[in-house]
């Protein structure tokens, strides 16, 4: 077993209920989800995301052979989740212009123009 695997397994063994974990889903659209550890068994970590179960050795979801898998929550993962969420929200705005005030639309267009115009 490599040192990286050993360290990862030690981290999985150290988890406790309430700890936050990242679930790597493997997709390009939404690669990560955050979840909390709901409970532990001798061989599994059960999270609050639909009661999903992950192996304590390797962190791979039970009944899966590759992904999803558990990992530590990092600033990079949080930023990725936030960026995906922001892009999804932004796409919705163009379909709901009737819910925006004229001032909000003008502010959004002004911000858009600033990135479109060369300085």
Protein backbone atom coordinates (compact mmCIF):
# COMPACT_ATOMS: atom_id res chain seq x y z
CA UNK A 1 0.00 0.00 0.00
CA UNK A 2 1.42 3.40 -0.97
CA UNK A 3 1.90 6.24 1.52
CA UNK A 4 -0.91 8.23 -0.18
CA UNK A 5 -3.34 5.32 0.17
CA UNK A 6 -2.27 4.77 3.77
CA UNK A 7 -2.82 8.46 4.62
CA UNK A 8 -6.21 8.45 2.86
CA UNK A 9 -7.34 5.34 4.71
CA UNK A 10 -6.19 6.84 8.02
CA UNK A 11 -8.30 9.92 7.27
CA UNK A 12 -11.33 7.75 6.46
CA UNK A 13 -10.84 5.83 9.72
CA UNK A 14 -10.63 9.11 11.66
CA UNK A 15 -14.02 10.41 10.46
CA UNK A 16 -16.74 11.00 13.02
CA UNK A 17 -20.46 11.74 12.73
CA UNK A 18 -20.98 15.37 11.73
CA UNK A 19 -17.69 15.68 9.82
CA UNK A 20 -18.01 17.26 6.39
CA UNK A 21 -16.78 15.27 3.40
CA UNK A 22 -16.59 15.80 -0.34
CA UNK A 23 -18.11 13.23 -2.65
CA UNK A 24 -16.32 13.08 -5.99
CA UNK A 25 -19.06 12.12 -8.45
CA UNK A 26 -16.80 11.91 -11.49
CA UNK A 27 -19.03 13.94 -13.78
CA UNK A 28 -18.00 17.03 -15.69
CA UNK A 29 -21.15 19.00 -14.93
CA UNK A 30 -21.19 18.71 -11.15
CA UNK A 31 -18.05 16.84 -10.11
CA UNK A 32 -18.37 17.33 -6.34
CA UNK A 33 -21.04 17.31 -3.64
CA UNK A 34 -20.66 18.10 0.03
CA UNK A 35 -22.15 15.82 2.66
CA UNK A 36 -21.90 15.17 6.38
CA UNK A 37 -21.05 11.86 7.99
CA UNK A 38 -24.29 10.52 9.45
CA UNK A 39 -22.88 7.40 11.08
CA UNK A 40 -20.12 4.84 10.89
CA UNK A 41 -19.91 1.07 10.91
CA UNK A 42 -16.76 -0.99 11.27
CA UNK A 43 -16.26 -0.99 7.48
CA UNK A 44 -18.38 1.87 6.11
CA UNK A 45 -18.99 5.61 6.27
CA UNK A 46 -22.67 6.50 5.84
CA UNK A 47 -23.39 10.09 4.78
CA UNK A 48 -26.52 12.22 4.95
CA UNK A 49 -26.80 12.38 1.14
CA UNK A 50 -29.60 9.82 0.70
CA UNK A 51 -27.90 7.46 3.16
CA UNK A 52 -25.14 6.64 0.71
CA UNK A 53 -22.47 4.21 1.96
CA UNK A 54 -18.73 4.38 1.31
CA UNK A 55 -15.97 1.92 2.18
CA UNK A 56 -13.56 2.97 4.91
CA UNK A 57 -10.76 1.40 2.87
CA UNK A 58 -10.39 3.42 -0.34
CA UNK A 59 -13.48 5.60 0.14
CA UNK A 60 -15.34 4.21 -2.88
CA UNK A 61 -19.13 4.00 -2.71
CA UNK A 62 -20.45 0.56 -1.84
CA UNK A 63 -21.62 -1.39 -4.92
CA UNK A 64 -19.55 0.83 -7.24
CA UNK A 65 -16.18 -0.06 -8.71
CA UNK A 66 -14.61 3.32 -9.48
CA UNK A 67 -16.49 6.49 -8.45
CA UNK A 68 -18.15 8.10 -6.51
CA UNK A 69 -15.63 8.28 -3.69
CA UNK A 70 -15.05 10.31 -0.54
CA UNK A 71 -12.37 12.93 -0.09
CA UNK A 72 -11.36 15.79 2.13
CA UNK A 73 -13.14 19.12 1.70
CA UNK A 74 -10.66 21.68 0.37
CA UNK A 75 -10.90 25.33 -0.62
CA UNK A 76 -10.51 24.25 -4.26
CA UNK A 77 -13.49 21.89 -4.00
CA UNK A 78 -15.61 24.57 -2.31
CA UNK A 79 -14.68 27.02 -5.09
CA UNK A 80 -15.59 24.45 -7.75
CA UNK A 81 -18.99 23.79 -6.17
CA UNK A 82 -19.65 27.54 -5.87
CA UNK A 83 -18.66 28.16 -9.52
CA UNK A 84 -20.95 25.39 -10.78
CA UNK A 85 -23.80 26.74 -8.63
CA UNK A 86 -23.22 30.32 -9.82
CA UNK A 87 -23.21 29.28 -13.48
CA UNK A 88 -26.47 27.38 -13.03
CA UNK A 89 -28.09 30.36 -11.32
CA UNK A 90 -26.79 32.75 -13.97
CA UNK A 91 -28.27 30.69 -16.80
CA UNK A 92 -31.69 30.97 -15.15
CA UNK A 93 -31.57 34.77 -15.06
CA UNK A 94 -31.92 35.16 -18.81
CA UNK A 95 -35.23 33.32 -18.68
CA UNK A 96 -36.61 35.42 -15.83
CA UNK A 97 -35.98 38.96 -16.92
CA UNK A 98 -39.53 39.91 -15.92
CA UNK A 99 -38.52 39.33 -12.28
CA UNK A 100 -35.63 41.81 -12.49
CA UNK A 101 -35.90 45.55 -12.03
CA UNK A 102 -34.64 47.87 -14.75
CA UNK A 103 -31.80 48.88 -12.42
CA UNK A 104 -30.75 45.24 -11.91
CA UNK A 105 -30.78 44.61 -15.65
CA UNK A 106 -28.74 47.76 -16.26
CA UNK A 107 -26.19 46.70 -13.60
CA UNK A 108 -25.87 43.24 -15.10
CA UNK A 109 -25.43 44.63 -18.60
CA UNK A 110 -22.87 47.13 -17.34
CA UNK A 111 -20.85 44.32 -15.74
CA UNK A 112 -21.14 42.30 -18.95
CA UNK A 113 -20.00 45.26 -21.06
CA UNK A 114 -16.97 45.74 -18.83
CA UNK A 115 -15.67 42.27 -19.58
CA UNK A 116 -16.52 42.51 -23.30
CA UNK A 117 -14.77 45.82 -23.95
CA UNK A 118 -10.98 45.77 -24.20
CA UNK A 119 -9.29 48.07 -21.70
